[in-house]
Amino acid sequence: MANNYDGYISSCVFSSISATACSYALFLNYRRNKLLRTTESNLILILTLFYLLASIFSLIPGPIEGSITCKAQTALVVFTALGGILWTGYIALYMYIKCYKENSGFYNGILIPVSIVLLFCTLSTALPLGFDDYGHGPGSGWCWIKVSGDHQKRHLDFVFVYVLYYIPVWIVIFWNMYAYIKIIKKVNEQFRTSEGKELSRSLIWYPFIAFVFYLPQSLSRFIETGHYSQRNDIPLDFTNFKIFACCWIRLLGFANSVAYGITGHFQARQNYSTPPTVENNIKNLA
């Protein structure tokens, strides 16, 4: 049967791919000479940094269960991964208000939204650290909250695993879908040009990236907490599925870097001679 570190050995390759892609996206931002000059560039910068750090922290070799190193890896991976998905939610909000609602006066800074995201990530990360149930489950790739077989701790498992992480993640995923579908419909209705169609094709990828990559990991956690939390004879098929989910989620940084950063679809475009319109707002964001 796959041991506790097979997930790490398998997923470290994919974490390295994501870390490389995120680093390249940062480099391209710098080459485009837009880094720290526009709100859009700052949005991408922060998103890329979140996933770069998540990829790097997940490369830490599997520490001893329950140790300080294990808790540190838990905090760092959860903090940065949660920050990344929450930040995609703010990007969707920014685009929704700027493009769909046509509110050009919406807040263009990043200090307030970054502070809110960091505060939420800090609370979600810090609250479980006072407990000792940390380690590797079979097929896990990094230290995280270990599912307890103790009935008295089941409510804590639910709070830590779902309320503080997966429920916020899926709220953001469904919000992203709603926001981008609205934006795409507006693009299709108002701009029937070839450029409008191209924008629609590029925008359609954004809301489904997190859905596709988080689904296996979420199913793995749900099945584990609901069915295998008190069993030692976890089937090999489920362990292999956990390893797959572990590797798959590590490619999220790569996918976001390609969609938001490397391709340039989301980069700001300057020097428009026409007044600000919905079309220009969408171009600036897409």
Protein backbone atom coordinates (compact mmCIF):
# COMPACT_ATOMS: atom_id res chain seq x y z
CA MET A 1 0.00 0.00 0.00
CA ALA A 2 1.17 3.51 -0.69
CA ASN A 3 2.81 4.99 2.37
CA ASN A 4 2.33 8.43 3.88
CA TYR A 5 4.99 10.07 1.76
CA ASP A 6 4.09 8.74 -1.67
CA GLY A 7 1.84 11.76 -2.10
CA TYR A 8 4.74 14.09 -1.41
CA ILE A 9 7.12 12.26 -3.72
CA SER A 10 4.56 12.33 -6.52
CA SER A 11 3.30 15.87 -6.01
CA CYS A 12 6.68 17.58 -5.64
CA VAL A 13 7.16 17.33 -9.42
CA PHE A 14 3.91 19.20 -10.00
CA SER A 15 4.69 21.73 -7.30
CA SER A 16 7.97 22.41 -9.08
CA ILE A 17 6.13 22.95 -12.37
CA SER A 18 3.78 25.45 -10.71
CA ALA A 19 6.64 27.24 -8.96
CA THR A 20 8.49 27.54 -12.27
CA ALA A 21 5.39 28.83 -14.08
CA CYS A 22 4.68 31.39 -11.35
CA SER A 23 8.28 32.60 -11.44
CA TYR A 24 8.10 32.94 -15.22
CA ALA A 25 4.81 34.87 -14.95
CA LEU A 26 6.46 37.32 -12.55
CA PHE A 27 9.36 37.70 -14.95
CA LEU A 28 6.99 38.42 -17.84
CA ASN A 29 5.18 41.03 -15.77
CA TYR A 30 8.49 42.75 -15.22
CA ARG A 31 9.44 42.49 -18.90
CA ARG A 32 6.13 44.03 -19.92
CA ASN A 33 7.10 46.99 -17.78
CA LYS A 34 3.72 47.02 -16.07
CA LEU A 35 4.69 45.75 -12.65
CA LEU A 36 3.38 48.05 -9.91
CA ARG A 37 2.07 50.56 -12.47
CA THR A 38 -1.57 49.55 -12.83
CA THR A 39 -4.20 48.00 -10.61
CA GLU A 40 -4.51 45.06 -12.99
CA SER A 41 -0.79 44.32 -12.82
CA ASN A 42 -0.88 44.47 -9.04
CA LEU A 43 -3.80 42.04 -8.96
CA ILE A 44 -1.84 39.53 -11.03
CA LEU A 45 1.32 40.13 -9.03
CA ILE A 46 -0.38 39.25 -5.76
CA LEU A 47 -2.16 36.21 -7.21
CA THR A 48 1.07 34.88 -8.65
CA LEU A 49 2.94 35.43 -5.38
CA PHE A 50 0.30 33.51 -3.43
CA TYR A 51 0.59 30.48 -5.69
CA LEU A 52 4.37 30.71 -5.98
CA LEU A 53 4.70 30.60 -2.19
CA ALA A 54 2.13 27.79 -1.92
CA SER A 55 4.12 25.74 -4.44
CA ILE A 56 7.42 26.40 -2.65
CA PHE A 57 6.04 25.58 0.81
CA SER A 58 4.51 22.33 -0.44
CA LEU A 59 7.99 21.26 -1.53
CA ILE A 60 9.18 21.10 2.08
CA PRO A 61 10.07 17.42 2.69
CA GLY A 62 7.53 15.59 4.82
CA PRO A 63 8.24 16.57 8.42
CA ILE A 64 7.57 14.47 11.52
CA GLU A 65 3.89 14.30 12.40
CA GLY A 66 2.86 16.63 15.22
CA SER A 67 6.20 18.47 15.17
CA ILE A 68 6.68 22.23 14.96
CA THR A 69 7.88 21.77 11.38
CA CYS A 70 4.71 19.90 10.52
CA LYS A 71 2.55 22.68 11.97
CA ALA A 72 4.65 25.31 10.19
CA GLN A 73 4.15 23.59 6.85
CA THR A 74 0.42 23.32 7.55
CA ALA A 75 0.18 27.04 8.31
CA LEU A 76 2.24 28.14 5.32
CA VAL A 77 0.53 25.95 2.72
CA VAL A 78 -3.01 26.62 3.97
CA PHE A 79 -2.37 30.37 4.32
CA THR A 80 -0.99 30.83 0.80
CA ALA A 81 -3.35 28.41 -0.97
CA LEU A 82 -6.40 29.95 0.70
CA GLY A 83 -5.07 33.42 -0.04
CA GLY A 84 -4.71 32.53 -3.71
CA ILE A 85 -8.28 31.32 -4.18
CA LEU A 86 -9.70 34.26 -2.20
CA TRP A 87 -7.72 36.64 -4.36
CA THR A 88 -9.25 35.18 -7.54
CA GLY A 89 -12.59 36.04 -5.93
CA TYR A 90 -11.54 39.65 -5.52
CA ILE A 91 -10.29 39.78 -9.11
CA ALA A 92 -13.72 38.54 -10.22
CA LEU A 93 -15.38 41.21 -8.02
CA TYR A 94 -13.15 43.91 -9.52
CA MET A 95 -13.98 42.84 -13.06
CA TYR A 96 -17.69 42.44 -12.27
CA ILE A 97 -18.02 45.97 -10.88
CA LYS A 98 -15.76 47.61 -13.46
CA CYS A 99 -17.10 45.79 -16.52
CA TYR A 100 -20.56 44.45 -15.82
CA LYS A 101 -21.75 47.23 -13.52
CA GLU A 102 -19.73 49.86 -15.44
CA ASN A 103 -18.60 51.52 -12.23
CA SER A 104 -15.38 53.23 -13.18
CA GLY A 105 -15.14 54.81 -9.73
CA PHE A 106 -14.65 51.50 -7.94
CA TYR A 107 -11.68 51.34 -5.58
CA ASN A 108 -8.48 50.90 -7.59
CA GLY A 109 -6.12 50.29 -4.71
CA ILE A 110 -5.06 46.92 -3.34
CA LEU A 111 -4.27 47.71 0.32
CA ILE A 112 -7.82 47.19 1.64
CA PRO A 113 -8.62 43.93 -0.23
CA VAL A 114 -5.17 42.52 0.51
CA SER A 115 -5.61 43.32 4.20
CA ILE A 116 -9.01 41.62 4.29
CA VAL A 117 -7.71 38.49 2.55
CA LEU A 118 -4.65 38.31 4.79
CA LEU A 119 -6.78 38.75 7.91
CA PHE A 120 -9.13 35.94 6.89
CA CYS A 121 -6.20 33.67 6.01
CA THR A 122 -4.54 34.43 9.35
CA LEU A 123 -7.67 33.51 11.30
CA SER A 124 -8.28 30.36 9.27
CA THR A 125 -4.67 29.30 9.73
CA ALA A 126 -4.14 30.29 13.35
CA LEU A 127 -7.28 28.82 14.92
CA PRO A 128 -6.42 25.14 14.28
CA LEU A 129 -2.77 25.52 15.38
CA GLY A 130 -3.69 25.13 19.04
CA PHE A 131 -4.58 21.52 18.44
CA ASP A 132 -2.30 18.55 17.95
CA ASP A 133 -4.03 16.62 15.19
CA TYR A 134 -1.53 17.31 12.44
CA GLY A 135 0.26 14.90 10.22
CA HIS A 136 0.10 12.89 7.03
CA GLY A 137 -2.77 10.71 5.97
CA PRO A 138 -2.14 7.88 3.49
CA GLY A 139 -1.35 9.45 0.15
CA SER A 140 -1.03 12.96 1.56
CA GLY A 141 1.57 15.27 0.07
CA TRP A 142 2.07 17.65 2.98
CA CYS A 143 1.19 18.13 6.63
CA TRP A 144 -2.34 19.28 7.32
CA ILE A 145 -5.19 18.76 9.75
CA LYS A 146 -5.32 15.03 10.29
CA VAL A 147 -8.80 13.54 10.37
CA SER A 148 -9.54 12.27 13.88
CA GLY A 149 -11.39 9.08 14.72
CA ASP A 150 -12.47 10.52 18.07
CA HIS A 151 -16.20 11.31 18.07
CA GLN A 152 -15.59 14.15 20.52
CA LYS A 153 -13.33 15.84 18.00
CA ARG A 154 -15.55 15.34 14.97
CA HIS A 155 -17.01 18.84 15.28
CA LEU A 156 -13.50 20.30 15.31
CA ASP A 157 -12.62 18.31 12.19
CA PHE A 158 -15.68 19.76 10.49
CA VAL A 159 -14.86 23.33 11.54
CA PHE A 160 -11.19 23.17 10.63
CA VAL A 161 -11.49 21.22 7.40
CA TYR A 162 -14.70 22.66 5.98
CA VAL A 163 -15.79 25.91 7.67
CA LEU A 164 -12.30 27.41 7.70
CA TYR A 165 -11.16 26.16 4.32
CA TYR A 166 -13.30 24.22 1.86
CA ILE A 167 -16.57 26.11 2.34
CA PRO A 168 -14.90 29.51 1.69
CA VAL A 169 -13.06 27.98 -1.27
CA TRP A 170 -16.27 26.74 -2.91
CA ILE A 171 -18.15 29.95 -2.17
CA VAL A 172 -15.43 31.80 -4.10
CA ILE A 173 -15.48 29.24 -6.92
CA PHE A 174 -19.23 29.62 -7.45
CA TRP A 175 -18.97 33.40 -7.13
CA ASN A 176 -16.28 33.42 -9.82
CA MET A 177 -18.55 31.42 -12.13
CA TYR A 178 -21.47 33.79 -11.59
CA ALA A 179 -19.38 36.93 -12.09
CA TYR A 180 -17.58 35.78 -15.23
CA ILE A 181 -20.75 34.39 -16.83
CA LYS A 182 -22.37 37.81 -16.37
CA ILE A 183 -19.34 39.57 -17.85
CA ILE A 184 -19.14 37.18 -20.81
CA LYS A 185 -22.85 37.60 -21.57
CA LYS A 186 -22.39 41.37 -21.62
CA VAL A 187 -19.40 41.07 -23.93
CA ASN A 188 -21.36 38.83 -26.31
CA GLU A 189 -24.39 41.14 -26.29
CA GLN A 190 -22.56 44.43 -26.81
CA PHE A 191 -19.50 43.47 -28.84
CA ARG A 192 -20.21 41.13 -31.72
CA THR A 193 -16.82 41.70 -33.31
CA SER A 194 -14.09 39.10 -33.70
CA GLU A 195 -12.23 40.82 -30.87
CA GLY A 196 -15.28 40.47 -28.64
CA LYS A 197 -15.48 36.76 -29.42
CA GLU A 198 -11.79 36.40 -28.62
CA LEU A 199 -12.32 38.13 -25.28
CA SER A 200 -15.19 35.77 -24.48
CA ARG A 201 -13.06 32.73 -25.26
CA SER A 202 -10.26 33.97 -23.01
CA LEU A 203 -12.58 34.96 -20.16
CA ILE A 204 -14.42 31.63 -20.09
CA TRP A 205 -11.36 29.84 -18.69
CA TYR A 206 -11.04 31.93 -15.53
CA PRO A 207 -14.08 30.71 -13.52
CA PHE A 208 -13.51 27.02 -14.22
CA ILE A 209 -9.82 26.73 -13.36
CA ALA A 210 -10.32 26.48 -9.61
CA PHE A 211 -13.39 24.25 -10.06
CA VAL A 212 -11.48 21.69 -12.12
CA PHE A 213 -8.44 21.61 -9.85
CA TYR A 214 -10.20 21.75 -6.48
CA LEU A 215 -12.87 19.14 -7.24
CA PRO A 216 -10.74 15.96 -6.79
CA GLN A 217 -9.09 17.29 -3.62
CA SER A 218 -12.46 18.31 -2.16
CA LEU A 219 -13.98 14.92 -2.96
CA SER A 220 -10.98 13.22 -1.38
CA ARG A 221 -11.38 15.20 1.85
CA PHE A 222 -15.15 14.69 1.93
CA ILE A 223 -14.86 10.93 1.46
CA GLU A 224 -12.06 10.68 4.00
CA THR A 225 -13.81 12.60 6.77
CA GLY A 226 -17.14 10.94 6.13
CA HIS A 227 -16.18 7.32 5.49
CA TYR A 228 -12.58 6.49 6.36
CA SER A 229 -11.94 8.62 9.44
CA GLN A 230 -12.11 5.62 11.81
CA ARG A 231 -10.63 2.94 9.58
CA ASN A 232 -7.06 1.76 9.34
CA ASP A 233 -7.67 -0.45 6.31
CA ILE A 234 -8.14 2.36 3.81
CA PRO A 235 -8.51 0.82 0.32
CA LEU A 236 -5.57 1.17 -2.03
CA ASP A 237 -7.84 2.65 -4.71
CA PHE A 238 -8.79 5.52 -2.40
CA THR A 239 -5.16 6.08 -1.41
CA ASN A 240 -4.21 6.27 -5.09
CA PHE A 241 -7.06 8.71 -5.69
CA LYS A 242 -5.72 10.88 -2.86
CA ILE A 243 -2.29 10.87 -4.48
CA PHE A 244 -3.84 11.90 -7.80
CA ALA A 245 -5.84 14.69 -6.10
CA CYS A 246 -2.72 15.80 -4.26
CA CYS A 247 -0.74 16.05 -7.51
CA TRP A 248 -3.60 17.64 -9.45
CA ILE A 249 -4.18 20.50 -6.97
CA ARG A 250 -0.48 21.34 -7.10
CA LEU A 251 -0.93 22.31 -10.77
CA LEU A 252 -3.34 25.09 -9.83
CA GLY A 253 -0.49 27.58 -9.64
CA PHE A 254 0.61 26.60 -13.13
CA ALA A 255 -2.92 26.95 -14.54
CA ASN A 256 -3.50 30.35 -12.97
CA SER A 257 -0.12 31.59 -14.13
CA VAL A 258 -0.92 30.61 -17.71
CA ALA A 259 -4.46 32.01 -17.65
CA TYR A 260 -3.81 35.25 -15.80
CA GLY A 261 -0.13 35.98 -16.23
CA ILE A 262 1.85 34.20 -18.94
CA THR A 263 -0.61 34.54 -21.84
CA GLY A 264 -1.04 38.27 -21.25
CA HIS A 265 -4.83 38.16 -21.69
CA PHE A 266 -5.30 39.72 -18.30
CA GLN A 267 -2.56 42.33 -18.58
CA ALA A 268 -3.43 45.98 -18.73
CA ARG A 269 -3.35 47.75 -22.09
CA GLN A 270 -2.63 51.43 -22.18
CA ASN A 271 -2.85 54.38 -24.58
CA TYR A 272 -6.53 54.14 -25.50
CA SER A 273 -7.67 57.26 -27.32
CA THR A 274 -11.39 56.66 -26.77
CA PRO A 275 -13.18 57.60 -23.53
CA PRO A 276 -13.59 54.92 -20.87
CA THR A 277 -16.31 52.46 -21.88
CA VAL A 278 -17.34 48.97 -20.98
CA GLU A 279 -15.26 47.72 -23.90
CA ASN A 280 -12.17 49.54 -22.71
CA ASN A 281 -12.72 48.31 -19.15
CA ILE A 282 -12.90 44.75 -20.38
CA LYS A 283 -9.83 45.18 -22.55
CA ASN A 284 -7.93 46.61 -19.61
CA LEU A 285 -8.80 43.56 -17.55
CA ALA A 286 -8.66 40.86 -20.18
